[in-house]
């Protein structure tokens, strides 16, 4: 009579774990921010509604994580693992056979995104002013046209009025242009290390053409008059110019390691026993 080995994999243990409680406040915050910016091209009421939702969502989110994070108790059934053979790998074989799931290994500092956004904003502004000189003989035309996106009444201005200097339009266009450029530059700094093979293709062509198409589609619905007055060929050219310069500047900045292989205590700079390793051990 043969004896069958006992299968430990069929056993399981049940335990109670504390996990972060689900919350819908992040979704509400994203909705409020989206409405806040959508109101810039629609009406002030939409922005006001978005601001109220964003403030309420931020307050609700903070109340769930501070001073103590909200948790819920869940029941988890863990199977008892059986004895499985451990593969033996030769020295130097680990990196070739074990898939890597942590990305990216290195990232750009925040200053890289700031530099890229500022450099791209200058190039985009220069290209826009060149278009204004060639089309209307005025560098103020693209500036007033950009400010008209946030001043609905300015869309009905004549071509001569749009080509003249307006201090209010300039004061509106400069901070919005710089703020948007910095945000996109920071986004480039965070995403380009993940696609290190062709960062210029993504940042210089794919991303600018994509968001230009989105803006063209949305503007055709919310403000058809302004959509008709924009020269979309030059618009895409200026966006591609921004993307190429910002992508080049960001990709040439020195990267810093993420430190994701370190423990949380070491990443926070805490001096705890059992976490300090020599440089020789870390290289292994």
C-alpha atoms as a PDB file:
ATOM      1  CA  UNK A   1       0.000   0.000   0.000  1.00  0.00           C
ATOM      2  CA  UNK A   2       1.425   3.332  -1.046  1.00  0.00           C
ATOM      3  CA  UNK A   3       1.119   6.415   1.141  1.00  0.00           C
ATOM      4  CA  UNK A   4       0.114   9.657  -0.604  1.00  0.00           C
ATOM      5  CA  UNK A   5       1.937  12.788   0.602  1.00  0.00           C
ATOM      6  CA  UNK A   6      -0.169  15.314   2.477  1.00  0.00           C
ATOM      7  CA  UNK A   7      -0.961  18.371   0.365  1.00  0.00           C
ATOM      8  CA  UNK A   8      -0.362  21.432   2.533  1.00  0.00           C
ATOM      9  CA  UNK A   9      -1.598  23.787  -0.202  1.00  0.00           C
ATOM     10  CA  UNK A  10      -5.219  22.850   0.575  1.00  0.00           C
ATOM     11  CA  UNK A  11      -4.960  24.271   4.093  1.00  0.00           C
ATOM     12  CA  UNK A  12      -5.704  27.893   4.823  1.00  0.00           C
ATOM     13  CA  UNK A  13      -5.739  30.234   7.780  1.00  0.00           C
ATOM     14  CA  UNK A  14      -8.151  33.097   8.390  1.00  0.00           C
ATOM     15  CA  UNK A  15      -7.046  36.357   9.920  1.00  0.00           C
ATOM     16  CA  UNK A  16      -8.319  39.916  10.312  1.00  0.00           C
ATOM     17  CA  UNK A  17      -6.326  42.728   8.774  1.00  0.00           C
ATOM     18  CA  UNK A  18      -6.559  46.487   8.985  1.00  0.00           C
ATOM     19  CA  UNK A  19      -6.633  48.159   5.566  1.00  0.00           C
ATOM     20  CA  UNK A  20      -7.159  51.813   4.566  1.00  0.00           C
ATOM     21  CA  UNK A  21     -10.821  52.640   4.338  1.00  0.00           C
ATOM     22  CA  UNK A  22     -12.116  53.391   0.818  1.00  0.00           C
ATOM     23  CA  UNK A  23     -12.923  57.018   0.088  1.00  0.00           C
ATOM     24  CA  UNK A  24     -14.438  58.950  -2.789  1.00  0.00           C
ATOM     25  CA  UNK A  25     -12.904  62.295  -1.811  1.00  0.00           C
ATOM     26  CA  UNK A  26      -9.973  62.064  -4.301  1.00  0.00           C
ATOM     27  CA  UNK A  27     -12.478  61.602  -7.130  1.00  0.00           C
ATOM     28  CA  UNK A  28     -14.486  64.580  -5.895  1.00  0.00           C
ATOM     29  CA  UNK A  29     -11.322  66.684  -5.678  1.00  0.00           C
ATOM     30  CA  UNK A  30     -10.397  65.798  -9.270  1.00  0.00           C
ATOM     31  CA  UNK A  31     -13.915  66.746 -10.400  1.00  0.00           C
ATOM     32  CA  UNK A  32     -13.718  70.075  -8.589  1.00  0.00           C
ATOM     33  CA  UNK A  33     -10.359  70.958 -10.135  1.00  0.00           C
ATOM     34  CA  UNK A  34     -11.640  69.985 -13.593  1.00  0.00           C
ATOM     35  CA  UNK A  35     -14.695  72.238 -13.176  1.00  0.00           C
ATOM     36  CA  UNK A  36     -12.493  75.023 -11.831  1.00  0.00           C
ATOM     37  CA  UNK A  37     -10.423  75.098 -15.031  1.00  0.00           C
ATOM     38  CA  UNK A  38     -13.403  74.392 -17.299  1.00  0.00           C
ATOM     39  CA  UNK A  39     -14.980  77.575 -16.017  1.00  0.00           C
ATOM     40  CA  UNK A  40     -12.107  79.584 -17.479  1.00  0.00           C
ATOM     41  CA  UNK A  41     -13.481  78.930 -20.964  1.00  0.00           C
ATOM     42  CA  UNK A  42     -17.190  78.723 -20.077  1.00  0.00           C
ATOM     43  CA  UNK A  43     -18.472  80.855 -17.199  1.00  0.00           C
ATOM     44  CA  UNK A  44     -17.520  81.997 -13.722  1.00  0.00           C
ATOM     45  CA  UNK A  45     -20.347  79.943 -12.207  1.00  0.00           C
ATOM     46  CA  UNK A  46     -18.692  76.705 -13.316  1.00  0.00           C
ATOM     47  CA  UNK A  47     -15.399  77.791 -11.729  1.00  0.00           C
ATOM     48  CA  UNK A  48     -17.191  78.763  -8.513  1.00  0.00           C
ATOM     49  CA  UNK A  49     -18.896  75.361  -8.357  1.00  0.00           C
ATOM     50  CA  UNK A  50     -15.572  73.636  -8.988  1.00  0.00           C
ATOM     51  CA  UNK A  51     -13.883  75.660  -6.243  1.00  0.00           C
ATOM     52  CA  UNK A  52     -16.591  74.724  -3.731  1.00  0.00           C
ATOM     53  CA  UNK A  53     -16.352  71.015  -4.631  1.00  0.00           C
ATOM     54  CA  UNK A  54     -12.532  71.083  -4.524  1.00  0.00           C
ATOM     55  CA  UNK A  55     -12.406  72.772  -1.106  1.00  0.00           C
ATOM     56  CA  UNK A  56     -15.019  70.424   0.352  1.00  0.00           C
ATOM     57  CA  UNK A  57     -13.250  67.374  -1.088  1.00  0.00           C
ATOM     58  CA  UNK A  58      -9.862  68.487   0.224  1.00  0.00           C
ATOM     59  CA  UNK A  59     -11.303  69.053   3.692  1.00  0.00           C
ATOM     60  CA  UNK A  60     -13.064  65.687   3.668  1.00  0.00           C
ATOM     61  CA  UNK A  61      -9.952  63.883   2.431  1.00  0.00           C
ATOM     62  CA  UNK A  62      -7.770  65.436   5.141  1.00  0.00           C
ATOM     63  CA  UNK A  63     -10.280  64.510   7.833  1.00  0.00           C
ATOM     64  CA  UNK A  64     -10.028  60.861   6.785  1.00  0.00           C
ATOM     65  CA  UNK A  65      -6.234  60.730   7.000  1.00  0.00           C
ATOM     66  CA  UNK A  66      -5.427  63.247   9.751  1.00  0.00           C
ATOM     67  CA  UNK A  67      -4.773  63.079  12.654  1.00  0.00           C
ATOM     68  CA  UNK A  68      -5.272  59.315  12.235  1.00  0.00           C
ATOM     69  CA  UNK A  69      -5.853  57.432   9.008  1.00  0.00           C
ATOM     70  CA  UNK A  70      -9.243  55.773   8.708  1.00  0.00           C
ATOM     71  CA  UNK A  71      -9.097  51.974   8.503  1.00  0.00           C
ATOM     72  CA  UNK A  72     -11.514  49.118   8.069  1.00  0.00           C
ATOM     73  CA  UNK A  73     -11.214  45.513   9.207  1.00  0.00           C
ATOM     74  CA  UNK A  74     -11.243  42.884   6.473  1.00  0.00           C
ATOM     75  CA  UNK A  75     -11.120  39.102   6.741  1.00  0.00           C
ATOM     76  CA  UNK A  76      -8.369  37.437   4.742  1.00  0.00           C
ATOM     77  CA  UNK A  77      -7.929  33.723   4.132  1.00  0.00           C
ATOM     78  CA  UNK A  78      -4.287  32.888   3.581  1.00  0.00           C
ATOM     79  CA  UNK A  79      -3.405  29.462   2.144  1.00  0.00           C
ATOM     80  CA  UNK A  80      -0.623  27.634   3.938  1.00  0.00           C
ATOM     81  CA  UNK A  81       2.094  27.204   1.337  1.00  0.00           C
ATOM     82  CA  UNK A  82       3.531  23.781   0.787  1.00  0.00           C
ATOM     83  CA  UNK A  83       7.152  22.933   0.387  1.00  0.00           C
ATOM     84  CA  UNK A  84       8.313  23.962  -3.064  1.00  0.00           C
ATOM     85  CA  UNK A  85      11.753  23.534  -4.568  1.00  0.00           C
ATOM     86  CA  UNK A  86      13.836  26.706  -4.733  1.00  0.00           C
ATOM     87  CA  UNK A  87      15.567  27.220  -8.086  1.00  0.00           C
ATOM     88  CA  UNK A  88      19.294  27.687  -7.876  1.00  0.00           C
ATOM     89  CA  UNK A  89      20.650  30.483 -10.049  1.00  0.00           C
ATOM     90  CA  UNK A  90      24.231  30.951 -10.982  1.00  0.00           C
ATOM     91  CA  UNK A  91      26.033  34.121  -9.938  1.00  0.00           C
ATOM     92  CA  UNK A  92      25.100  36.987 -12.237  1.00  0.00           C
ATOM     93  CA  UNK A  93      21.994  35.158 -13.530  1.00  0.00           C
ATOM     94  CA  UNK A  94      19.480  36.927 -11.272  1.00  0.00           C
ATOM     95  CA  UNK A  95      19.276  40.164 -13.241  1.00  0.00           C
ATOM     96  CA  UNK A  96      18.651  38.318 -16.501  1.00  0.00           C
ATOM     97  CA  UNK A  97      15.827  36.067 -15.296  1.00  0.00           C
ATOM     98  CA  UNK A  98      14.014  37.937 -12.550  1.00  0.00           C
ATOM     99  CA  UNK A  99      11.601  40.500 -14.061  1.00  0.00           C
ATOM    100  CA  UNK A 100      11.813  44.034 -12.711  1.00  0.00           C
ATOM    101  CA  UNK A 101       8.566  45.545 -11.436  1.00  0.00           C
ATOM    102  CA  UNK A 102       9.853  48.802  -9.947  1.00  0.00           C
ATOM    103  CA  UNK A 103       9.862  51.703 -12.384  1.00  0.00           C
ATOM    104  CA  UNK A 104      11.576  54.016 -12.845  1.00  0.00           C
ATOM    105  CA  UNK A 105      14.933  53.243 -11.266  1.00  0.00           C
ATOM    106  CA  UNK A 106      16.023  56.879 -11.544  1.00  0.00           C
ATOM    107  CA  UNK A 107      13.960  60.051 -11.775  1.00  0.00           C
ATOM    108  CA  UNK A 108      14.601  63.675 -12.579  1.00  0.00           C
ATOM    109  CA  UNK A 109      14.543  66.219  -9.748  1.00  0.00           C
ATOM    110  CA  UNK A 110      11.768  68.797  -9.601  1.00  0.00           C
ATOM    111  CA  UNK A 111      14.200  71.434 -10.868  1.00  0.00           C
ATOM    112  CA  UNK A 112      14.471  69.531 -14.175  1.00  0.00           C
ATOM    113  CA  UNK A 113      10.747  69.939 -14.812  1.00  0.00           C
ATOM    114  CA  UNK A 114      10.890  73.618 -13.864  1.00  0.00           C
ATOM    115  CA  UNK A 115      13.810  74.269 -16.234  1.00  0.00           C
ATOM    116  CA  UNK A 116      12.130  72.345 -19.040  1.00  0.00           C
ATOM    117  CA  UNK A 117       8.823  74.166 -18.572  1.00  0.00           C
ATOM    118  CA  UNK A 118      10.439  77.610 -18.536  1.00  0.00           C
ATOM    119  CA  UNK A 119      12.583  76.864 -21.610  1.00  0.00           C
ATOM    120  CA  UNK A 120       9.591  75.488 -23.495  1.00  0.00           C
ATOM    121  CA  UNK A 121       7.447  78.482 -22.555  1.00  0.00           C
ATOM    122  CA  UNK A 122      10.008  80.875 -24.028  1.00  0.00           C
ATOM    123  CA  UNK A 123      10.192  78.936 -27.311  1.00  0.00           C
ATOM    124  CA  UNK A 124       6.411  78.686 -27.576  1.00  0.00           C
ATOM    125  CA  UNK A 125       6.023  82.425 -26.914  1.00  0.00           C
ATOM    126  CA  UNK A 126       8.637  83.273 -29.573  1.00  0.00           C
ATOM    127  CA  UNK A 127       6.921  81.057 -32.156  1.00  0.00           C
ATOM    128  CA  UNK A 128       3.559  82.612 -31.317  1.00  0.00           C
ATOM    129  CA  UNK A 129       4.927  86.145 -31.723  1.00  0.00           C
ATOM    130  CA  UNK A 130       6.498  85.201 -35.063  1.00  0.00           C
ATOM    131  CA  UNK A 131       3.065  84.039 -36.181  1.00  0.00           C
ATOM    132  CA  UNK A 132       1.555  87.339 -35.011  1.00  0.00           C
ATOM    133  CA  UNK A 133       4.088  89.359 -36.993  1.00  0.00           C
ATOM    134  CA  UNK A 134       3.651  87.278 -40.155  1.00  0.00           C
ATOM    135  CA  UNK A 135      -0.161  87.152 -40.039  1.00  0.00           C
ATOM    136  CA  UNK A 136      -1.212  90.489 -38.522  1.00  0.00           C
ATOM    137  CA  UNK A 137       2.006  92.492 -38.192  1.00  0.00           C
ATOM    138  CA  UNK A 138       1.735  92.587 -34.400  1.00  0.00           C
ATOM    139  CA  UNK A 139       3.243  90.543 -31.586  1.00  0.00           C
ATOM    140  CA  UNK A 140       0.195  91.342 -29.438  1.00  0.00           C
ATOM    141  CA  UNK A 141      -2.249  89.430 -31.638  1.00  0.00           C
ATOM    142  CA  UNK A 142      -1.445  85.911 -30.298  1.00  0.00           C
ATOM    143  CA  UNK A 143      -1.250  87.267 -26.740  1.00  0.00           C
ATOM    144  CA  UNK A 144      -4.708  88.847 -26.983  1.00  0.00           C
ATOM    145  CA  UNK A 145      -6.027  85.712 -28.677  1.00  0.00           C
ATOM    146  CA  UNK A 146      -4.680  83.571 -25.836  1.00  0.00           C
ATOM    147  CA  UNK A 147      -6.191  85.890 -23.220  1.00  0.00           C
ATOM    148  CA  UNK A 148      -9.520  85.718 -25.065  1.00  0.00           C
ATOM    149  CA  UNK A 149      -9.747  82.089 -23.964  1.00  0.00           C
ATOM    150  CA  UNK A 150     -10.316  83.404 -20.431  1.00  0.00           C
ATOM    151  CA  UNK A 151     -12.187  86.590 -21.438  1.00  0.00           C
ATOM    152  CA  UNK A 152     -15.241  85.434 -23.410  1.00  0.00           C
ATOM    153  CA  UNK A 153     -16.165  89.032 -24.293  1.00  0.00           C
ATOM    154  CA  UNK A 154     -12.813  89.504 -26.053  1.00  0.00           C
ATOM    155  CA  UNK A 155     -13.652  86.900 -28.687  1.00  0.00           C
ATOM    156  CA  UNK A 156     -15.938  89.396 -30.442  1.00  0.00           C
ATOM    157  CA  UNK A 157     -13.146  91.967 -30.883  1.00  0.00           C
ATOM    158  CA  UNK A 158     -12.192  92.963 -34.404  1.00  0.00           C
ATOM    159  CA  UNK A 159      -8.876  91.945 -35.937  1.00  0.00           C
ATOM    160  CA  UNK A 160      -7.506  95.464 -35.469  1.00  0.00           C
ATOM    161  CA  UNK A 161      -8.491  95.466 -31.798  1.00  0.00           C
ATOM    162  CA  UNK A 162      -6.956  92.021 -31.301  1.00  0.00           C
ATOM    163  CA  UNK A 163      -3.675  93.232 -32.828  1.00  0.00           C
ATOM    164  CA  UNK A 164      -3.429  96.245 -30.490  1.00  0.00           C
ATOM    165  CA  UNK A 165      -1.758  96.284 -27.079  1.00  0.00           C
ATOM    166  CA  UNK A 166      -4.021  95.569 -24.101  1.00  0.00           C
ATOM    167  CA  UNK A 167      -2.488  95.598 -20.627  1.00  0.00           C
ATOM    168  CA  UNK A 168      -5.268  93.500 -19.125  1.00  0.00           C
ATOM    169  CA  UNK A 169      -4.806  90.766 -21.701  1.00  0.00           C
ATOM    170  CA  UNK A 170      -1.042  90.766 -21.115  1.00  0.00           C
ATOM    171  CA  UNK A 171      -1.456  90.497 -17.332  1.00  0.00           C
ATOM    172  CA  UNK A 172      -3.818  87.558 -17.798  1.00  0.00           C
ATOM    173  CA  UNK A 173      -1.810  85.734 -20.459  1.00  0.00           C
ATOM    174  CA  UNK A 174       1.630  85.807 -18.768  1.00  0.00           C
ATOM    175  CA  UNK A 175       0.812  84.017 -15.461  1.00  0.00           C
ATOM    176  CA  UNK A 176      -1.475  81.475 -17.153  1.00  0.00           C
ATOM    177  CA  UNK A 177       1.142  80.724 -19.807  1.00  0.00           C
ATOM    178  CA  UNK A 178       3.932  80.339 -17.247  1.00  0.00           C
ATOM    179  CA  UNK A 179       1.807  78.295 -14.844  1.00  0.00           C
ATOM    180  CA  UNK A 180       0.646  75.897 -17.548  1.00  0.00           C
ATOM    181  CA  UNK A 181       4.185  75.535 -18.902  1.00  0.00           C
ATOM    182  CA  UNK A 182       5.564  74.740 -15.445  1.00  0.00           C
ATOM    183  CA  UNK A 183       2.887  72.112 -14.847  1.00  0.00           C
ATOM    184  CA  UNK A 184       3.615  70.425 -18.175  1.00  0.00           C
ATOM    185  CA  UNK A 185       7.362  70.643 -17.465  1.00  0.00           C
ATOM    186  CA  UNK A 186       6.871  68.905 -14.115  1.00  0.00           C
ATOM    187  CA  UNK A 187       4.788  66.266 -15.862  1.00  0.00           C
ATOM    188  CA  UNK A 188       7.612  65.735 -18.347  1.00  0.00           C
ATOM    189  CA  UNK A 189      10.108  65.378 -15.521  1.00  0.00           C
ATOM    190  CA  UNK A 190       7.965  62.665 -13.918  1.00  0.00           C
ATOM    191  CA  UNK A 191       7.053  60.675 -17.044  1.00  0.00           C
ATOM    192  CA  UNK A 192      10.027  60.876 -19.388  1.00  0.00           C
ATOM    193  CA  UNK A 193      12.277  58.626 -17.210  1.00  0.00           C
ATOM    194  CA  UNK A 194       9.719  55.858 -17.689  1.00  0.00           C
ATOM    195  CA  UNK A 195      10.179  56.045 -21.465  1.00  0.00           C
ATOM    196  CA  UNK A 196      13.903  56.596 -21.647  1.00  0.00           C
ATOM    197  CA  UNK A 197      14.364  55.117 -25.113  1.00  0.00           C
ATOM    198  CA  UNK A 198      12.556  57.836 -27.078  1.00  0.00           C
ATOM    199  CA  UNK A 199      11.790  60.757 -24.725  1.00  0.00           C
ATOM    200  CA  UNK A 200      11.857  63.373 -27.487  1.00  0.00           C
ATOM    201  CA  UNK A 201       9.364  61.422 -29.603  1.00  0.00           C
ATOM    202  CA  UNK A 202       6.900  61.342 -26.713  1.00  0.00           C
ATOM    203  CA  UNK A 203       7.504  64.813 -25.287  1.00  0.00           C
ATOM    204  CA  UNK A 204       8.185  66.604 -28.577  1.00  0.00           C
ATOM    205  CA  UNK A 205       5.565  65.167 -30.911  1.00  0.00           C
ATOM    206  CA  UNK A 206       3.097  62.650 -29.470  1.00  0.00           C
ATOM    207  CA  UNK A 207       2.056  64.591 -26.347  1.00  0.00           C
ATOM    208  CA  UNK A 208       1.775  68.064 -28.021  1.00  0.00           C
ATOM    209  CA  UNK A 209      -0.232  66.703 -30.966  1.00  0.00           C
ATOM    210  CA  UNK A 210      -2.499  64.807 -28.578  1.00  0.00           C
ATOM    211  CA  UNK A 211      -3.332  67.760 -26.332  1.00  0.00           C
ATOM    212  CA  UNK A 212      -3.679  70.061 -29.370  1.00  0.00           C
ATOM    213  CA  UNK A 213      -6.347  67.722 -30.716  1.00  0.00           C
ATOM    214  CA  UNK A 214      -8.111  67.686 -27.358  1.00  0.00           C
ATOM    215  CA  UNK A 215      -8.079  71.494 -27.113  1.00  0.00           C
ATOM    216  CA  UNK A 216      -9.338  71.816 -30.696  1.00  0.00           C
ATOM    217  CA  UNK A 217     -12.229  69.439 -30.019  1.00  0.00           C
ATOM    218  CA  UNK A 218     -13.231  71.045 -26.713  1.00  0.00           C
ATOM    219  CA  UNK A 219     -12.871  74.625 -27.940  1.00  0.00           C
ATOM    220  CA  UNK A 220     -15.028  73.870 -30.965  1.00  0.00           C
ATOM    221  CA  UNK A 221     -17.871  73.145 -28.546  1.00  0.00           C
ATOM    222  CA  UNK A 222     -17.427  75.719 -25.783  1.00  0.00           C
ATOM    223  CA  UNK A 223     -16.177  78.650 -27.895  1.00  0.00           C
ATOM    224  CA  UNK A 224     -16.664  78.160 -31.666  1.00  0.00           C
ATOM    225  CA  UNK A 225     -15.800  81.804 -32.457  1.00  0.00           C
ATOM    226  CA  UNK A 226     -12.372  81.582 -30.846  1.00  0.00           C
ATOM    227  CA  UNK A 227     -11.849  78.147 -32.369  1.00  0.00           C
ATOM    228  CA  UNK A 228     -12.397  79.655 -35.825  1.00  0.00           C
ATOM    229  CA  UNK A 229      -9.918  82.509 -35.245  1.00  0.00           C
ATOM    230  CA  UNK A 230      -7.048  80.283 -34.118  1.00  0.00           C
ATOM    231  CA  UNK A 231      -4.591  79.175 -36.786  1.00  0.00           C
ATOM    232  CA  UNK A 232      -4.298  75.565 -35.704  1.00  0.00           C
ATOM    233  CA  UNK A 233      -1.279  74.816 -37.884  1.00  0.00           C
ATOM    234  CA  UNK A 234       0.746  77.463 -36.045  1.00  0.00           C
ATOM    235  CA  UNK A 235      -0.787  76.340 -32.771  1.00  0.00           C
ATOM    236  CA  UNK A 236       0.495  72.796 -33.294  1.00  0.00           C
ATOM    237  CA  UNK A 237       3.896  74.128 -34.411  1.00  0.00           C
ATOM    238  CA  UNK A 238       4.236  76.173 -31.223  1.00  0.00           C
ATOM    239  CA  UNK A 239       3.176  73.206 -29.073  1.00  0.00           C
ATOM    240  CA  UNK A 240       5.660  70.906 -30.797  1.00  0.00           C
ATOM    241  CA  UNK A 241       8.373  73.532 -30.301  1.00  0.00           C
ATOM    242  CA  UNK A 242       7.542  73.631 -26.606  1.00  0.00           C
ATOM    243  CA  UNK A 243       7.539  69.847 -26.369  1.00  0.00           C
ATOM    244  CA  UNK A 244      10.880  69.368 -28.120  1.00  0.00           C
ATOM    245  CA  UNK A 245      12.718  72.015 -26.083  1.00  0.00           C
ATOM    246  CA  UNK A 246      11.144  70.950 -22.778  1.00  0.00           C
ATOM    247  CA  UNK A 247      11.858  67.294 -23.513  1.00  0.00           C
ATOM    248  CA  UNK A 248      15.495  67.973 -24.434  1.00  0.00           C
ATOM    249  CA  UNK A 249      16.098  70.124 -21.356  1.00  0.00           C
ATOM    250  CA  UNK A 250      14.465  67.623 -19.008  1.00  0.00           C
ATOM    251  CA  UNK A 251      16.182  64.564 -20.503  1.00  0.00           C
ATOM    252  CA  UNK A 252      19.623  66.186 -20.213  1.00  0.00           C
ATOM    253  CA  UNK A 253      19.300  66.874 -16.493  1.00  0.00           C
ATOM    254  CA  UNK A 254      21.105  64.599 -14.081  1.00  0.00           C
ATOM    255  CA  UNK A 255      18.901  61.879 -12.664  1.00  0.00           C
ATOM    256  CA  UNK A 256      18.704  60.818  -9.058  1.00  0.00           C
ATOM    257  CA  UNK A 257      18.049  57.254  -7.811  1.00  0.00           C
ATOM    258  CA  UNK A 258      14.607  56.598  -6.408  1.00  0.00           C
ATOM    259  CA  UNK A 259      15.862  54.566  -3.429  1.00  0.00           C
ATOM    260  CA  UNK A 260      12.868  52.270  -3.776  1.00  0.00           C
ATOM    261  CA  UNK A 261      14.927  49.259  -2.721  1.00  0.00           C
ATOM    262  CA  UNK A 262      15.468  50.848   0.695  1.00  0.00           C
ATOM    263  CA  UNK A 263      13.151  50.399   3.635  1.00  0.00           C
ATOM    264  CA  UNK A 264      10.672  53.099   4.613  1.00  0.00           C
ATOM    265  CA  UNK A 265      12.710  53.930   7.717  1.00  0.00           C
ATOM    266  CA  UNK A 266      15.866  54.515   5.683  1.00  0.00           C
ATOM    267  CA  UNK A 267      14.038  56.589   3.076  1.00  0.00           C
ATOM    268  CA  UNK A 268      12.725  58.795   5.894  1.00  0.00           C
ATOM    269  CA  UNK A 269      16.244  59.211   7.275  1.00  0.00           C
ATOM    270  CA  UNK A 270      15.543  57.392  10.528  1.00  0.00           C
ATOM    271  CA  UNK A 271      18.530  55.897  12.316  1.00  0.00           C
ATOM    272  CA  UNK A 272      17.260  52.489  13.352  1.00  0.00           C
ATOM    273  CA  UNK A 273      19.178  49.382  14.201  1.00  0.00           C
ATOM    274  CA  UNK A 274      19.140  46.603  11.668  1.00  0.00           C
ATOM    275  CA  UNK A 275      18.739  48.937   8.679  1.00  0.00           C
ATOM    276  CA  UNK A 276      22.302  50.116   8.275  1.00  0.00           C
ATOM    277  CA  UNK A 277      24.359  48.185   5.766  1.00  0.00           C
ATOM    278  CA  UNK A 278      27.822  48.733   4.539  1.00  0.00           C
ATOM    279  CA  UNK A 279      28.453  50.043   1.062  1.00  0.00           C
ATOM    280  CA  UNK A 280      29.767  46.629   0.075  1.00  0.00           C
ATOM    281  CA  UNK A 281      26.484  44.986   1.075  1.00  0.00           C
ATOM    282  CA  UNK A 282      24.370  47.563  -0.771  1.00  0.00           C
ATOM    283  CA  UNK A 283      26.265  46.898  -3.993  1.00  0.00           C
ATOM    284  CA  UNK A 284      25.281  43.244  -3.729  1.00  0.00           C
END
